[in-house]
N, C-alpha and C. Protein backbone atom coordinates (compact mmCIF):
# COMPACT_ATOMS: atom_id res chain seq x y z
N UNK A 1 0.96 -1.45 0.18
CA UNK A 1 -0.17 0.03 0.03
C UNK A 1 0.87 1.12 0.07
N UNK A 2 0.58 2.18 -0.86
CA UNK A 2 1.31 3.38 -0.95
C UNK A 2 0.38 4.43 -0.25
N UNK A 3 0.93 5.29 0.68
CA UNK A 3 -0.07 6.46 0.91
C UNK A 3 1.26 7.52 1.64
N UNK A 4 0.36 8.72 1.79
CA UNK A 4 1.22 9.92 2.10
C UNK A 4 1.53 9.82 3.48
N UNK A 5 2.82 10.66 4.08
CA UNK A 5 3.46 10.17 5.24
C UNK A 5 2.79 11.34 5.95
N UNK A 6 2.91 11.36 7.23
CA UNK A 6 2.43 12.03 8.05
C UNK A 6 3.56 12.42 9.31
N UNK A 7 3.62 13.36 10.16
CA UNK A 7 4.67 13.54 11.00
C UNK A 7 4.81 12.30 12.03
N UNK A 8 3.66 11.38 12.32
CA UNK A 8 3.86 10.42 13.03
C UNK A 8 4.75 9.30 12.24
N UNK A 9 5.36 9.31 11.11
CA UNK A 9 6.11 8.85 10.27
C UNK A 9 7.48 9.08 10.44
N UNK A 10 8.01 10.26 11.04
CA UNK A 10 9.08 10.58 10.81
C UNK A 10 10.24 9.74 11.64
N UNK A 11 10.05 9.23 12.62
CA UNK A 11 10.90 8.23 12.97
C UNK A 11 11.19 7.09 12.28
N UNK A 12 10.25 6.28 11.57
CA UNK A 12 10.41 5.38 10.47
C UNK A 12 11.46 5.88 9.28
N UNK A 13 11.16 7.19 9.05
CA UNK A 13 11.61 7.66 7.76
C UNK A 13 13.20 7.91 7.98
N UNK A 14 13.27 8.25 9.04
CA UNK A 14 14.89 8.35 9.55
C UNK A 14 15.51 7.48 9.63
N UNK A 15 14.97 6.20 10.11
CA UNK A 15 15.53 4.80 10.34
C UNK A 15 15.85 4.28 8.72
N UNK A 16 14.80 4.44 7.74
CA UNK A 16 15.22 4.10 6.42
C UNK A 16 16.15 4.74 6.16
N UNK A 17 16.27 6.40 6.22
CA UNK A 17 17.37 7.13 5.24
C UNK A 17 18.51 6.52 6.22
N UNK A 18 18.68 6.31 7.24
CA UNK A 18 20.01 5.69 8.00
C UNK A 18 20.49 4.46 7.27
N UNK A 19 19.67 3.52 6.89
CA UNK A 19 19.86 2.38 6.14
C UNK A 19 20.15 2.63 4.90
N UNK A 20 19.65 3.66 4.03
CA UNK A 20 19.96 3.99 2.91
C UNK A 20 21.54 4.56 2.62
N UNK A 21 21.98 5.35 3.74
CA UNK A 21 23.03 5.93 3.83
C UNK A 21 24.12 4.94 3.75
N UNK A 22 24.21 4.19 4.95
CA UNK A 22 24.77 2.91 5.14
C UNK A 22 25.02 2.01 3.57
N UNK A 23 24.10 2.30 2.96
CA UNK A 23 24.26 1.32 1.55
C UNK A 23 25.22 2.03 0.62
N UNK A 24 25.69 3.07 0.70
CA UNK A 24 26.41 4.12 -0.22
C UNK A 24 27.72 3.33 -0.71
N UNK A 25 27.90 3.23 -1.71
CA UNK A 25 29.21 2.58 -2.33
C UNK A 25 30.33 3.29 -2.12
N UNK A 26 30.36 4.93 -2.08
CA UNK A 26 31.25 5.84 -2.08
C UNK A 26 31.27 6.36 -0.82
N UNK A 27 32.47 6.86 -0.26
CA UNK A 27 32.40 7.38 1.22
C UNK A 27 31.67 8.75 1.18
N UNK A 28 30.59 9.10 2.17
CA UNK A 28 29.95 9.97 1.92
C UNK A 28 30.17 10.70 3.49
N UNK A 29 29.89 11.76 3.93
CA UNK A 29 29.93 12.33 5.20
C UNK A 29 29.16 11.67 5.88
N UNK A 30 29.32 11.89 7.40
CA UNK A 30 28.03 11.20 8.59
C UNK A 30 27.06 11.81 8.48
N UNK A 31 26.09 11.22 8.94
CA UNK A 31 24.80 11.93 8.90
C UNK A 31 24.68 12.82 10.17
N UNK A 32 24.46 14.07 9.77
CA UNK A 32 23.99 15.16 11.01
C UNK A 32 22.62 14.58 11.28
N UNK A 33 22.37 14.05 12.53
CA UNK A 33 20.66 13.89 12.86
C UNK A 33 20.12 15.39 13.10
N UNK A 34 20.62 16.24 13.38
CA UNK A 34 19.64 17.67 13.49
C UNK A 34 19.36 17.97 11.71
N UNK A 35 20.33 17.94 11.19
CA UNK A 35 20.02 18.41 10.04
C UNK A 35 19.23 17.12 9.19
N UNK A 36 19.40 16.15 9.19
CA UNK A 36 18.36 15.22 8.80
C UNK A 36 16.84 15.40 9.28
N UNK A 37 16.78 15.31 10.37
CA UNK A 37 15.77 15.40 10.86
C UNK A 37 14.49 16.74 10.35
N UNK A 38 15.37 17.91 10.46
CA UNK A 38 14.77 19.04 9.89
C UNK A 38 14.49 18.91 8.12
N UNK A 39 15.30 18.36 7.73
CA UNK A 39 15.19 17.92 6.25
C UNK A 39 13.93 17.44 5.80
N UNK A 40 13.71 16.33 6.48
CA UNK A 40 12.35 15.24 6.37
C UNK A 40 11.23 16.20 7.22
N UNK A 41 11.57 16.91 8.14
CA UNK A 41 10.23 17.41 8.61
C UNK A 41 9.79 18.56 7.56
N UNK A 42 10.86 19.18 6.78
CA UNK A 42 10.37 20.09 5.85
C UNK A 42 9.80 19.76 4.73
N UNK A 43 10.43 18.75 4.12
CA UNK A 43 9.81 17.75 3.03
C UNK A 43 8.59 17.20 3.47
N UNK A 44 8.05 16.77 4.60
CA UNK A 44 6.70 16.50 4.88
C UNK A 44 5.83 17.82 4.72
N UNK A 45 6.10 18.71 5.24
CA UNK A 45 5.26 19.87 5.43
C UNK A 45 5.56 20.70 4.11
N UNK A 46 6.40 20.72 3.28
CA UNK A 46 6.32 21.61 2.03
C UNK A 46 6.64 20.69 0.67
N UNK A 47 6.77 19.65 0.66
CA UNK A 47 6.78 18.68 -0.55
C UNK A 47 5.64 17.75 -0.18
N UNK A 48 6.32 16.44 -0.57
CA UNK A 48 5.70 15.38 -0.79
C UNK A 48 6.51 14.15 -0.11
N UNK A 49 5.71 13.30 0.54
CA UNK A 49 6.37 12.22 1.06
C UNK A 49 5.34 10.94 0.95
N UNK A 50 6.32 9.75 0.22
CA UNK A 50 5.43 8.51 -0.11
C UNK A 50 5.74 7.58 0.60
N UNK A 51 5.16 6.64 1.44
CA UNK A 51 5.70 5.66 2.01
C UNK A 51 5.02 4.21 1.56
N UNK A 52 5.56 3.36 1.25
CA UNK A 52 5.04 1.84 0.86
C UNK A 52 5.05 1.00 2.13
N UNK A 53 4.09 0.52 2.60
CA UNK A 53 4.08 -0.42 3.64
C UNK A 53 3.17 -1.47 3.45
N UNK A 54 3.49 -2.60 4.19
CA UNK A 54 2.77 -3.99 3.90
C UNK A 54 2.70 -4.39 5.27
N UNK A 55 1.30 -4.58 5.76
CA UNK A 55 1.09 -5.17 7.10
C UNK A 55 1.67 -4.26 8.20
N UNK A 56 1.71 -2.75 7.82
CA UNK A 56 2.23 -1.84 9.17
C UNK A 56 3.60 -1.94 8.86
N UNK A 57 4.50 -2.29 8.00
CA UNK A 57 5.61 -2.57 8.25
C UNK A 57 6.47 -1.66 6.85
N UNK A 58 7.08 -0.67 7.27
CA UNK A 58 7.53 0.16 6.22
C UNK A 58 8.33 -0.46 5.23
N UNK A 59 8.27 -0.51 3.55
CA UNK A 59 9.01 -1.26 2.67
C UNK A 59 9.94 -0.10 1.91
N UNK A 60 9.59 1.07 1.81
CA UNK A 60 10.11 1.94 1.19
C UNK A 60 9.35 3.33 1.23
N UNK A 61 10.06 4.20 0.81
CA UNK A 61 9.78 6.11 0.68
C UNK A 61 10.62 6.69 -0.32
N UNK A 62 9.56 7.32 -1.04
CA UNK A 62 10.27 8.41 -1.74
C UNK A 62 9.91 9.79 -0.94
N UNK A 63 10.82 10.85 -1.10
CA UNK A 63 10.32 11.97 -0.58
C UNK A 63 10.97 13.32 -1.50
N UNK A 64 9.94 14.37 -1.80
CA UNK A 64 10.40 14.87 -2.93
C UNK A 64 9.62 16.50 -2.60
N UNK A 65 10.01 17.34 -3.36
CA UNK A 65 10.03 18.82 -3.41
C UNK A 65 9.88 19.39 -4.55
N UNK A 66 9.27 20.63 -4.75
CA UNK A 66 9.05 21.40 -5.73
C UNK A 66 10.34 22.56 -5.83
N UNK A 67 10.67 22.31 -7.13
CA UNK A 67 11.92 23.20 -7.44
C UNK A 67 11.92 24.01 -8.82
N UNK A 68 12.91 24.81 -9.03
CA UNK A 68 13.01 25.17 -10.32
C UNK A 68 14.45 25.48 -10.78
N UNK A 69 14.63 25.14 -12.05
CA UNK A 69 16.21 25.73 -12.33
C UNK A 69 16.79 26.92 -12.09
N UNK A 70 17.95 26.94 -11.94
CA UNK A 70 18.51 28.64 -11.85
C UNK A 70 18.20 29.35 -12.95
N UNK A 71 17.94 29.22 -14.11
CA UNK A 71 17.53 29.95 -15.26
C UNK A 71 16.31 30.36 -15.40
N UNK A 72 15.05 29.48 -14.78
CA UNK A 72 13.63 29.46 -15.13
C UNK A 72 13.02 29.37 -14.05
N UNK A 73 11.58 29.96 -14.38
CA UNK A 73 10.81 30.11 -13.20
C UNK A 73 9.69 28.60 -13.21
N UNK A 74 10.15 28.01 -14.36
CA UNK A 74 9.03 26.56 -14.32
C UNK A 74 9.34 25.60 -13.18
N UNK A 75 8.16 25.24 -12.55
CA UNK A 75 8.47 24.45 -11.53
C UNK A 75 8.65 22.92 -11.86
N UNK A 76 9.44 22.11 -11.13
CA UNK A 76 8.89 20.52 -11.30
C UNK A 76 9.16 20.04 -10.00
N UNK A 77 8.94 18.54 -10.20
CA UNK A 77 8.90 17.77 -8.78
C UNK A 77 10.01 16.64 -8.66
N UNK A 78 11.03 17.22 -7.85
CA UNK A 78 12.07 16.50 -7.42
C UNK A 78 12.50 15.46 -6.25
N UNK A 79 13.23 14.21 -6.48
CA UNK A 79 13.21 13.73 -5.30
C UNK A 79 14.25 13.93 -4.48
N UNK A 80 14.04 14.01 -3.17
CA UNK A 80 15.50 14.15 -2.21
C UNK A 80 15.87 12.87 -1.85
N UNK A 81 14.98 11.71 -1.81
CA UNK A 81 15.25 10.61 -1.37
C UNK A 81 14.23 9.80 -2.20
N UNK A 82 14.84 8.38 -2.18
CA UNK A 82 14.17 7.11 -3.00
C UNK A 82 14.84 5.97 -2.34
N UNK A 83 14.15 5.12 -1.28
CA UNK A 83 14.71 3.92 -1.16
C UNK A 83 13.83 2.94 -0.66
N UNK A 84 14.17 1.75 -1.11
CA UNK A 84 13.47 0.56 -0.84
C UNK A 84 14.22 -0.38 -0.23
N UNK A 85 13.85 -0.98 1.01
CA UNK A 85 14.53 -2.08 2.07
C UNK A 85 14.99 -3.03 1.13
N UNK A 86 16.14 -3.78 1.29
CA UNK A 86 16.45 -4.98 0.33
C UNK A 86 15.62 -5.89 0.22
N UNK A 87 14.19 -6.19 1.42
CA UNK A 87 13.45 -7.60 1.42
C UNK A 87 12.44 -7.21 0.43
N UNK A 88 12.24 -6.03 0.04
CA UNK A 88 11.15 -5.71 -0.70
C UNK A 88 11.74 -5.03 -2.11
N UNK A 89 12.90 -5.36 -2.39
CA UNK A 89 13.21 -5.03 -3.54
C UNK A 89 12.83 -5.82 -5.14
N UNK A 90 12.48 -7.09 -4.76
CA UNK A 90 11.81 -7.76 -5.64
C UNK A 90 10.45 -7.70 -5.69
N UNK A 91 9.66 -6.85 -4.93
CA UNK A 91 8.32 -6.92 -5.20
C UNK A 91 7.82 -5.57 -6.28
N UNK A 92 6.65 -5.33 -6.02
CA UNK A 92 6.54 -4.16 -6.93
C UNK A 92 6.60 -2.43 -6.15
N UNK A 93 7.31 -2.55 -4.88
CA UNK A 93 7.09 -1.40 -4.09
C UNK A 93 7.95 -0.36 -4.98
N UNK A 94 9.19 -0.31 -5.42
CA UNK A 94 9.79 0.55 -6.17
C UNK A 94 9.08 1.02 -7.38
N UNK A 95 8.50 0.16 -8.07
CA UNK A 95 7.35 0.94 -9.18
C UNK A 95 6.29 1.39 -8.71
N UNK A 96 5.95 1.04 -7.88
CA UNK A 96 4.34 1.73 -7.15
C UNK A 96 4.68 3.00 -6.76
N UNK A 97 6.18 3.04 -6.20
CA UNK A 97 6.15 4.43 -5.64
C UNK A 97 6.63 5.49 -6.26
N UNK A 98 7.33 5.13 -7.53
CA UNK A 98 7.81 5.89 -8.43
C UNK A 98 6.67 6.34 -9.50
N UNK A 99 5.90 5.62 -9.61
CA UNK A 99 4.57 5.49 -10.54
C UNK A 99 3.82 6.71 -9.73
N UNK A 100 3.37 6.51 -8.65
CA UNK A 100 2.76 7.36 -7.80
C UNK A 100 3.31 8.66 -7.63
N UNK A 101 4.66 9.04 -7.44
CA UNK A 101 5.22 10.13 -7.67
C UNK A 101 4.96 10.76 -8.76
N UNK A 102 5.14 10.22 -10.10
CA UNK A 102 5.19 10.64 -11.31
C UNK A 102 3.68 10.95 -11.34
N UNK A 103 2.62 10.43 -10.86
CA UNK A 103 1.43 10.52 -11.13
C UNK A 103 1.14 11.97 -10.32
N UNK A 104 1.51 12.33 -9.17
CA UNK A 104 1.19 13.51 -8.46
C UNK A 104 1.94 14.67 -9.38
N UNK A 105 3.17 14.47 -9.83
CA UNK A 105 3.80 15.31 -10.94
C UNK A 105 2.71 15.57 -12.02
N UNK A 106 2.22 14.55 -12.67
CA UNK A 106 1.12 15.01 -13.63
C UNK A 106 0.14 15.75 -13.19
N UNK A 107 -0.51 15.35 -12.10
CA UNK A 107 -1.68 16.00 -11.36
C UNK A 107 -1.39 17.43 -11.16
N UNK A 108 -0.31 17.92 -10.80
CA UNK A 108 -0.07 18.84 -10.48
C UNK A 108 0.90 19.70 -11.75
N UNK A 109 0.44 19.27 -12.68
CA UNK A 109 1.17 19.67 -14.25
C UNK A 109 2.67 20.08 -14.01
N UNK A 110 3.38 19.27 -13.39
CA UNK A 110 4.64 19.22 -13.42
C UNK A 110 5.66 18.42 -13.74
N UNK A 111 6.75 18.64 -14.33
CA UNK A 111 7.45 17.42 -14.81
C UNK A 111 8.38 16.82 -13.57
N UNK A 112 8.80 15.44 -13.61
CA UNK A 112 9.23 14.81 -12.12
C UNK A 112 10.65 14.68 -12.86
N UNK A 113 11.53 14.98 -12.00
CA UNK A 113 13.13 14.83 -11.96
C UNK A 113 13.52 13.55 -10.75
N UNK A 114 14.33 12.60 -11.16
CA UNK A 114 14.64 11.75 -10.35
C UNK A 114 16.34 11.32 -10.44
N UNK A 115 16.77 11.28 -9.38
CA UNK A 115 18.11 10.97 -9.58
C UNK A 115 18.65 9.83 -8.64
N UNK A 116 19.85 9.53 -8.82
CA UNK A 116 20.49 8.38 -8.17
C UNK A 116 21.77 8.65 -8.05
N UNK A 117 22.55 8.86 -6.86
CA UNK A 117 24.13 9.53 -6.99
C UNK A 117 25.00 8.57 -6.06
N UNK A 118 24.65 8.30 -4.95
CA UNK A 118 25.60 7.68 -4.15
C UNK A 118 25.41 6.31 -3.98
N UNK A 119 24.52 5.67 -4.27
CA UNK A 119 24.20 4.23 -4.35
C UNK A 119 24.85 3.29 -5.47
N UNK A 120 24.98 2.18 -5.15
CA UNK A 120 25.26 1.05 -6.04
C UNK A 120 24.78 0.68 -7.30
N UNK A 121 24.91 0.05 -8.43
CA UNK A 121 23.97 -0.76 -9.30
C UNK A 121 23.53 0.52 -10.05
N UNK A 122 24.10 1.42 -10.49
CA UNK A 122 23.68 2.61 -11.25
C UNK A 122 23.21 2.08 -12.50
N UNK A 123 23.68 1.38 -13.31
CA UNK A 123 22.86 0.99 -14.51
C UNK A 123 21.89 0.27 -14.52
N UNK A 124 21.43 -0.68 -13.65
CA UNK A 124 20.29 -1.21 -13.26
C UNK A 124 19.30 -0.11 -12.72
N UNK A 125 19.62 0.81 -12.01
CA UNK A 125 18.60 2.04 -11.70
C UNK A 125 18.30 2.83 -13.04
N UNK A 126 19.27 2.97 -13.56
CA UNK A 126 19.13 3.60 -15.01
C UNK A 126 18.10 3.09 -15.91
N UNK A 127 18.45 1.73 -15.94
CA UNK A 127 17.11 0.89 -16.98
C UNK A 127 15.91 1.06 -16.41
N UNK A 128 15.87 1.02 -14.99
CA UNK A 128 14.37 0.88 -14.21
C UNK A 128 13.59 1.98 -14.57
N UNK A 129 14.69 3.44 -14.17
CA UNK A 129 13.78 4.66 -14.87
C UNK A 129 13.53 4.58 -15.96
N UNK A 130 14.30 4.29 -17.05
CA UNK A 130 14.08 4.52 -18.36
C UNK A 130 12.98 3.63 -18.65
N UNK A 131 12.45 2.40 -18.10
CA UNK A 131 11.21 1.56 -18.31
C UNK A 131 10.05 2.61 -17.87
N UNK A 132 10.37 3.38 -17.09
CA UNK A 132 9.11 4.16 -16.55
C UNK A 132 9.07 5.47 -17.18
N UNK A 133 9.48 5.46 -18.10
CA UNK A 133 9.46 6.77 -19.16
C UNK A 133 10.61 7.57 -19.02
N UNK A 134 11.38 7.74 -18.01
CA UNK A 134 12.36 8.80 -17.85
C UNK A 134 13.52 8.44 -18.79
N UNK A 135 14.21 9.85 -19.15
CA UNK A 135 15.47 10.10 -19.82
C UNK A 135 16.29 10.58 -19.06
N UNK A 136 17.49 9.86 -19.19
CA UNK A 136 18.96 9.97 -18.45
C UNK A 136 19.31 11.33 -18.92
N UNK A 137 19.66 12.41 -17.94
CA UNK A 137 20.32 13.71 -18.23
C UNK A 137 21.60 13.97 -17.40
N UNK A 138 22.09 13.53 -17.94
CA UNK A 138 23.76 13.85 -17.47
C UNK A 138 24.26 12.66 -16.26
N UNK A 139 25.30 13.38 -15.57
CA UNK A 139 26.04 12.66 -14.39
C UNK A 139 26.42 13.46 -13.29
N UNK A 140 26.68 12.75 -12.22
CA UNK A 140 27.38 13.44 -11.28
C UNK A 140 28.53 12.98 -10.97
N UNK A 141 29.72 13.76 -10.70
CA UNK A 141 30.99 13.56 -10.54
C UNK A 141 31.51 13.87 -9.01
N UNK A 142 32.12 13.29 -8.10
CA UNK A 142 32.46 13.44 -6.92
C UNK A 142 33.83 13.27 -6.82
N UNK A 143 34.64 14.23 -5.83
CA UNK A 143 35.90 13.51 -5.39
C UNK A 143 35.69 13.11 -4.03
N UNK A 144 36.59 11.86 -4.23
CA UNK A 144 36.15 10.87 -3.13
C UNK A 144 37.79 10.93 -2.16
């Protein structure tokens, strides 16, 4: 089941994001609990956070905000995080979360932008996004 998150879900979302952080394949700075809590709270109140649950157990989440390019006033819906727990990855959880997120963009007449930066298996994720109708637009490079 996919549903919108509420403030009562913050603890579960923070646990999920902590797990996501642990799965990064390159070295990333440690989580600042104050900063991540504030960002989750902000996205809950100013953006959109969807949760996938099964029998009241969190399976995955996507959180996004409305943004615009530095050169334009046209708004788009961008993800801040997207993560599915490993034991739910063989289900339709990821597809359902992304499909619902894209539908929210369509309903609000905004295009959607999705990214994956610090995780592994980038080629598989590129193919997943492409199957959902997305087009790859660039790459991110980081100094390690």
